[in-house]
């Protein structure tokens, strides 16, 4: 058990010296990326909605290609 604790501590220390070692920064990035991923809507679903204007639908279709 002491070896595991030592390994985790040394890993944490090593990560602290890297450029992206700030764990709060990395956790914030992961949180926001998960929000983007889980709240995304398929393009086909947007194109089927009546509330979306024709001009916007054409823009979406041009990016889809």
PDB file of N, CA and C in Angstrom:
ATOM      1  N   UNK A   1       0.819  -1.194   0.000  1.00  0.00           N
ATOM      2  CA  UNK A   1       0.000   0.000   0.000  1.00  0.00           C
ATOM      3  C   UNK A   1       0.864   1.259   0.000  1.00  0.00           C
ATOM      4  N   UNK A   2       1.982   1.214   0.729  1.00  0.00           N
ATOM      5  CA  UNK A   2       2.875   2.367   0.761  1.00  0.00           C
ATOM      6  C   UNK A   2       3.487   2.624  -0.605  1.00  0.00           C
ATOM      7  N   UNK A   3       3.752   1.565  -1.335  1.00  0.00           N
ATOM      8  CA  UNK A   3       4.338   1.709  -2.671  1.00  0.00           C
ATOM      9  C   UNK A   3       3.350   2.396  -3.601  1.00  0.00           C
ATOM     10  N   UNK A   4       2.076   2.019  -3.497  1.00  0.00           N
ATOM     11  CA  UNK A   4       1.043   2.642  -4.326  1.00  0.00           C
ATOM     12  C   UNK A   4       0.910   4.122  -4.001  1.00  0.00           C
ATOM     13  N   UNK A   5       0.898   4.457  -2.737  1.00  0.00           N
ATOM     14  CA  UNK A   5       0.819   5.865  -2.335  1.00  0.00           C
ATOM     15  C   UNK A   5       2.026   6.650  -2.834  1.00  0.00           C
ATOM     16  N   UNK A   6       3.189   6.066  -2.706  1.00  0.00           N
ATOM     17  CA  UNK A   6       4.400   6.718  -3.182  1.00  0.00           C
ATOM     18  C   UNK A   6       4.349   6.922  -4.693  1.00  0.00           C
ATOM     19  N   UNK A   7       3.890   5.905  -5.408  1.00  0.00           N
ATOM     20  CA  UNK A   7       3.774   6.005  -6.868  1.00  0.00           C
ATOM     21  C   UNK A   7       2.805   7.122  -7.255  1.00  0.00           C
ATOM     22  N   UNK A   8       1.639   7.171  -6.601  1.00  0.00           N
ATOM     23  CA  UNK A   8       0.661   8.214  -6.907  1.00  0.00           C
ATOM     24  C   UNK A   8       1.203   9.599  -6.581  1.00  0.00           C
ATOM     25  N   UNK A   9       1.893   9.719  -5.465  1.00  0.00           N
ATOM     26  CA  UNK A   9       2.479  11.003  -5.094  1.00  0.00           C
ATOM     27  C   UNK A   9       3.519  11.450  -6.111  1.00  0.00           C
ATOM     28  N   UNK A  10       4.401  10.542  -6.496  1.00  0.00           N
ATOM     29  CA  UNK A  10       5.443  10.886  -7.473  1.00  0.00           C
ATOM     30  C   UNK A  10       4.842  11.203  -8.842  1.00  0.00           C
ATOM     31  N   UNK A  11       3.790  10.494  -9.204  1.00  0.00           N
ATOM     32  CA  UNK A  11       3.110  10.800 -10.465  1.00  0.00           C
ATOM     33  C   UNK A  11       2.519  12.197 -10.417  1.00  0.00           C
ATOM     34  N   UNK A  12       1.866  12.544  -9.309  1.00  0.00           N
ATOM     35  CA  UNK A  12       1.296  13.879  -9.140  1.00  0.00           C
ATOM     36  C   UNK A  12       2.379  14.951  -9.208  1.00  0.00           C
ATOM     37  N   UNK A  13       3.491  14.720  -8.557  1.00  0.00           N
ATOM     38  CA  UNK A  13       4.593  15.677  -8.574  1.00  0.00           C
ATOM     39  C   UNK A  13       5.151  15.825  -9.989  1.00  0.00           C
ATOM     40  N   UNK A  14       5.307  14.711 -10.689  1.00  0.00           N
ATOM     41  CA  UNK A  14       5.834  14.764 -12.054  1.00  0.00           C
ATOM     42  C   UNK A  14       4.887  15.531 -12.971  1.00  0.00           C
ATOM     43  N   UNK A  15       3.587  15.309 -12.816  1.00  0.00           N
ATOM     44  CA  UNK A  15       2.618  16.029 -13.642  1.00  0.00           C
ATOM     45  C   UNK A  15       2.586  17.513 -13.312  1.00  0.00           C
ATOM     46  N   UNK A  16       2.902  17.849 -12.092  1.00  0.00           N
ATOM     47  CA  UNK A  16       2.900  19.256 -11.688  1.00  0.00           C
ATOM     48  C   UNK A  16       3.988  20.055 -12.396  1.00  0.00           C
ATOM     49  N   UNK A  17       5.032  19.387 -12.820  1.00  0.00           N
ATOM     50  CA  UNK A  17       6.128  20.077 -13.490  1.00  0.00           C
ATOM     51  C   UNK A  17       5.960  20.146 -15.005  1.00  0.00           C
ATOM     52  N   UNK A  18       4.945  19.516 -15.546  1.00  0.00           N
ATOM     53  CA  UNK A  18       4.706  19.587 -16.984  1.00  0.00           C
ATOM     54  C   UNK A  18       3.897  20.837 -17.300  1.00  0.00           C
ATOM     55  N   UNK A  19       3.794  21.152 -18.573  1.00  0.00           N
ATOM     56  CA  UNK A  19       3.083  22.358 -18.987  1.00  0.00           C
ATOM     57  C   UNK A  19       1.607  22.340 -18.651  1.00  0.00           C
ATOM     58  N   UNK A  20       0.962  21.199 -18.756  1.00  0.00           N
ATOM     59  CA  UNK A  20      -0.468  21.087 -18.467  1.00  0.00           C
ATOM     60  C   UNK A  20      -0.695  20.313 -17.180  1.00  0.00           C
ATOM     61  N   UNK A  21       0.183  20.443 -16.237  1.00  0.00           N
ATOM     62  CA  UNK A  21       0.111  19.680 -15.015  1.00  0.00           C
ATOM     63  C   UNK A  21      -0.898  20.191 -14.012  1.00  0.00           C
ATOM     64  N   UNK A  22      -1.455  21.337 -14.252  1.00  0.00           N
ATOM     65  CA  UNK A  22      -2.435  21.873 -13.328  1.00  0.00           C
ATOM     66  C   UNK A  22      -3.700  21.033 -13.401  1.00  0.00           C
ATOM     67  N   UNK A  23      -3.966  20.265 -12.373  1.00  0.00           N
ATOM     68  CA  UNK A  23      -5.096  19.334 -12.399  1.00  0.00           C
ATOM     69  C   UNK A  23      -6.435  20.052 -12.471  1.00  0.00           C
ATOM     70  N   UNK A  24      -6.551  21.231 -11.887  1.00  0.00           N
ATOM     71  CA  UNK A  24      -7.796  21.979 -11.990  1.00  0.00           C
ATOM     72  C   UNK A  24      -8.054  22.397 -13.437  1.00  0.00           C
ATOM     73  N   UNK A  25      -7.009  22.813 -14.114  1.00  0.00           N
ATOM     74  CA  UNK A  25      -7.122  23.197 -15.513  1.00  0.00           C
ATOM     75  C   UNK A  25      -7.567  22.011 -16.365  1.00  0.00           C
ATOM     76  N   UNK A  26      -6.942  20.865 -16.153  1.00  0.00           N
ATOM     77  CA  UNK A  26      -7.290  19.679 -16.928  1.00  0.00           C
ATOM     78  C   UNK A  26      -8.699  19.202 -16.617  1.00  0.00           C
ATOM     79  N   UNK A  27      -9.104  19.270 -15.369  1.00  0.00           N
ATOM     80  CA  UNK A  27     -10.454  18.833 -15.028  1.00  0.00           C
ATOM     81  C   UNK A  27     -11.496  19.774 -15.623  1.00  0.00           C
ATOM     82  N   UNK A  28     -11.185  21.068 -15.662  1.00  0.00           N
ATOM     83  CA  UNK A  28     -12.115  22.020 -16.270  1.00  0.00           C
ATOM     84  C   UNK A  28     -12.248  21.753 -17.770  1.00  0.00           C
ATOM     85  N   UNK A  29     -11.139  21.460 -18.431  1.00  0.00           N
ATOM     86  CA  UNK A  29     -11.194  21.132 -19.847  1.00  0.00           C
ATOM     87  C   UNK A  29     -12.042  19.888 -20.106  1.00  0.00           C
ATOM     88  N   UNK A  30     -11.857  18.872 -19.282  1.00  0.00           N
ATOM     89  CA  UNK A  30     -12.630  17.647 -19.429  1.00  0.00           C
ATOM     90  C   UNK A  30     -14.106  17.873 -19.204  1.00  0.00           C
ATOM     91  N   UNK A  31     -14.442  18.685 -18.214  1.00  0.00           N
ATOM     92  CA  UNK A  31     -15.836  18.982 -17.909  1.00  0.00           C
ATOM     93  C   UNK A  31     -16.509  19.700 -19.079  1.00  0.00           C
ATOM     94  N   UNK A  32     -15.858  20.714 -19.615  1.00  0.00           N
ATOM     95  CA  UNK A  32     -16.451  21.473 -20.708  1.00  0.00           C
ATOM     96  C   UNK A  32     -16.534  20.648 -21.992  1.00  0.00           C
ATOM     97  N   UNK A  33     -15.561  19.803 -22.236  1.00  0.00           N
ATOM     98  CA  UNK A  33     -15.615  18.943 -23.410  1.00  0.00           C
ATOM     99  C   UNK A  33     -16.774  17.961 -23.300  1.00  0.00           C
ATOM    100  N   UNK A  34     -17.020  17.444 -22.102  1.00  0.00           N
ATOM    101  CA  UNK A  34     -18.142  16.521 -21.924  1.00  0.00           C
ATOM    102  C   UNK A  34     -19.469  17.245 -22.117  1.00  0.00           C
ATOM    103  N   UNK A  35     -19.569  18.494 -21.689  1.00  0.00           N
ATOM    104  CA  UNK A  35     -20.798  19.259 -21.926  1.00  0.00           C
ATOM    105  C   UNK A  35     -21.061  19.428 -23.420  1.00  0.00           C
ATOM    106  N   UNK A  36     -20.012  19.732 -24.166  1.00  0.00           N
ATOM    107  CA  UNK A  36     -20.164  19.890 -25.616  1.00  0.00           C
ATOM    108  C   UNK A  36     -20.600  18.580 -26.246  1.00  0.00           C
ATOM    109  N   UNK A  37     -19.974  17.492 -25.838  1.00  0.00           N
ATOM    110  CA  UNK A  37     -20.266  16.193 -26.432  1.00  0.00           C
ATOM    111  C   UNK A  37     -21.680  15.727 -26.110  1.00  0.00           C
ATOM    112  N   UNK A  38     -22.090  15.834 -24.864  1.00  0.00           N
ATOM    113  CA  UNK A  38     -23.378  15.289 -24.459  1.00  0.00           C
ATOM    114  C   UNK A  38     -24.554  16.178 -24.836  1.00  0.00           C
ATOM    115  N   UNK A  39     -24.324  17.437 -25.161  1.00  0.00           N
ATOM    116  CA  UNK A  39     -25.410  18.331 -25.537  1.00  0.00           C
ATOM    117  C   UNK A  39     -25.449  18.600 -27.038  1.00  0.00           C
ATOM    118  N   UNK A  40     -24.705  17.858 -27.809  1.00  0.00           N
ATOM    119  CA  UNK A  40     -24.713  18.065 -29.254  1.00  0.00           C
ATOM    120  C   UNK A  40     -25.987  17.483 -29.862  1.00  0.00           C
ATOM    121  N   UNK A  41     -26.367  18.031 -31.003  1.00  0.00           N
ATOM    122  CA  UNK A  41     -27.585  17.608 -31.694  1.00  0.00           C
ATOM    123  C   UNK A  41     -27.190  17.201 -33.112  1.00  0.00           C
ATOM    124  N   UNK A  42     -27.708  16.073 -33.598  1.00  0.00           N
ATOM    125  CA  UNK A  42     -27.379  15.653 -34.964  1.00  0.00           C
ATOM    126  C   UNK A  42     -27.859  16.676 -36.002  1.00  0.00           C
ATOM    127  N   UNK A  43     -27.103  16.817 -37.061  1.00  0.00           N
ATOM    128  CA  UNK A  43     -27.424  17.781 -38.117  1.00  0.00           C
ATOM    129  C   UNK A  43     -28.789  17.492 -38.719  1.00  0.00           C
ATOM    130  N   UNK A  44     -29.086  16.227 -38.944  1.00  0.00           N
ATOM    131  CA  UNK A  44     -30.359  15.864 -39.555  1.00  0.00           C
ATOM    132  C   UNK A  44     -31.544  16.339 -38.716  1.00  0.00           C
ATOM    133  N   UNK A  45     -31.378  16.285 -37.397  1.00  0.00           N
ATOM    134  CA  UNK A  45     -32.448  16.728 -36.494  1.00  0.00           C
ATOM    135  C   UNK A  45     -32.673  18.232 -36.612  1.00  0.00           C
ATOM    136  N   UNK A  46     -31.620  18.991 -36.762  1.00  0.00           N
ATOM    137  CA  UNK A  46     -31.739  20.441 -36.927  1.00  0.00           C
ATOM    138  C   UNK A  46     -32.393  20.773 -38.263  1.00  0.00           C
ATOM    139  N   UNK A  47     -32.003  20.050 -39.313  1.00  0.00           N
ATOM    140  CA  UNK A  47     -32.557  20.335 -40.635  1.00  0.00           C
ATOM    141  C   UNK A  47     -34.043  19.997 -40.728  1.00  0.00           C
ATOM    142  N   UNK A  48     -34.540  19.126 -39.872  1.00  0.00           N
ATOM    143  CA  UNK A  48     -35.956  18.762 -39.889  1.00  0.00           C
ATOM    144  C   UNK A  48     -36.837  19.725 -39.101  1.00  0.00           C
ATOM    145  N   UNK A  49     -36.251  20.558 -38.264  1.00  0.00           N
ATOM    146  CA  UNK A  49     -37.030  21.479 -37.434  1.00  0.00           C
ATOM    147  C   UNK A  49     -37.613  22.604 -38.279  1.00  0.00           C
ATOM    148  N   UNK A  50     -38.849  22.991 -37.935  1.00  0.00           N
ATOM    149  CA  UNK A  50     -39.519  24.079 -38.658  1.00  0.00           C
ATOM    150  C   UNK A  50     -39.044  25.456 -38.178  1.00  0.00           C
ATOM    151  N   UNK A  51     -38.542  25.550 -36.965  1.00  0.00           N
ATOM    152  CA  UNK A  51     -38.127  26.827 -36.404  1.00  0.00           C
ATOM    153  C   UNK A  51     -36.815  27.353 -36.963  1.00  0.00           C
ATOM    154  N   UNK A  52     -36.102  26.529 -37.728  1.00  0.00           N
ATOM    155  CA  UNK A  52     -34.821  26.943 -38.303  1.00  0.00           C
ATOM    156  C   UNK A  52     -35.089  27.520 -39.691  1.00  0.00           C
ATOM    157  N   UNK A  53     -34.557  28.719 -39.945  1.00  0.00           N
ATOM    158  CA  UNK A  53     -34.785  29.379 -41.219  1.00  0.00           C
ATOM    159  C   UNK A  53     -34.097  28.671 -42.383  1.00  0.00           C
ATOM    160  N   UNK A  54     -34.606  28.931 -43.582  1.00  0.00           N
ATOM    161  CA  UNK A  54     -34.063  28.293 -44.786  1.00  0.00           C
ATOM    162  C   UNK A  54     -32.607  28.700 -45.029  1.00  0.00           C
ATOM    163  N   UNK A  55     -32.288  29.947 -44.741  1.00  0.00           N
ATOM    164  CA  UNK A  55     -30.911  30.425 -44.928  1.00  0.00           C
ATOM    165  C   UNK A  55     -29.944  29.671 -44.004  1.00  0.00           C
ATOM    166  N   UNK A  56     -30.371  29.473 -42.771  1.00  0.00           N
ATOM    167  CA  UNK A  56     -29.539  28.735 -41.815  1.00  0.00           C
ATOM    168  C   UNK A  56     -29.381  27.280 -42.242  1.00  0.00           C
ATOM    169  N   UNK A  57     -30.445  26.695 -42.756  1.00  0.00           N
ATOM    170  CA  UNK A  57     -30.374  25.306 -43.223  1.00  0.00           C
ATOM    171  C   UNK A  57     -29.396  25.168 -44.388  1.00  0.00           C
ATOM    172  N   UNK A  58     -29.379  26.156 -45.273  1.00  0.00           N
ATOM    173  CA  UNK A  58     -28.436  26.125 -46.402  1.00  0.00           C
ATOM    174  C   UNK A  58     -26.992  26.239 -45.912  1.00  0.00           C
ATOM    175  N   UNK A  59     -26.764  27.065 -44.903  1.00  0.00           N
ATOM    176  CA  UNK A  59     -25.419  27.188 -44.335  1.00  0.00           C
ATOM    177  C   UNK A  59     -24.975  25.862 -43.722  1.00  0.00           C
ATOM    178  N   UNK A  60     -25.889  25.218 -43.002  1.00  0.00           N
ATOM    179  CA  UNK A  60     -25.565  23.927 -42.395  1.00  0.00           C
ATOM    180  C   UNK A  60     -25.264  22.894 -43.466  1.00  0.00           C
ATOM    181  N   UNK A  61     -26.052  22.877 -44.520  1.00  0.00           N
ATOM    182  CA  UNK A  61     -25.809  21.921 -45.609  1.00  0.00           C
ATOM    183  C   UNK A  61     -24.477  22.170 -46.289  1.00  0.00           C
ATOM    184  N   UNK A  62     -24.067  23.428 -46.406  1.00  0.00           N
ATOM    185  CA  UNK A  62     -22.789  23.732 -47.055  1.00  0.00           C
ATOM    186  C   UNK A  62     -21.606  23.253 -46.201  1.00  0.00           C
ATOM    187  N   UNK A  63     -21.740  23.294 -44.878  1.00  0.00           N
ATOM    188  CA  UNK A  63     -20.680  22.805 -43.989  1.00  0.00           C
ATOM    189  C   UNK A  63     -20.671  21.285 -43.913  1.00  0.00           C
ATOM    190  N   UNK A  64     -21.820  20.682 -44.146  1.00  0.00           N
ATOM    191  CA  UNK A  64     -21.969  19.226 -44.029  1.00  0.00           C
ATOM    192  C   UNK A  64     -21.170  18.491 -45.115  1.00  0.00           C
ATOM    193  N   UNK A  65     -20.987  19.135 -46.256  1.00  0.00           N
ATOM    194  CA  UNK A  65     -20.314  18.490 -47.390  1.00  0.00           C
ATOM    195  C   UNK A  65     -18.888  18.328 -47.169  1.00  0.00           C
TER     196      UNK A  65
END
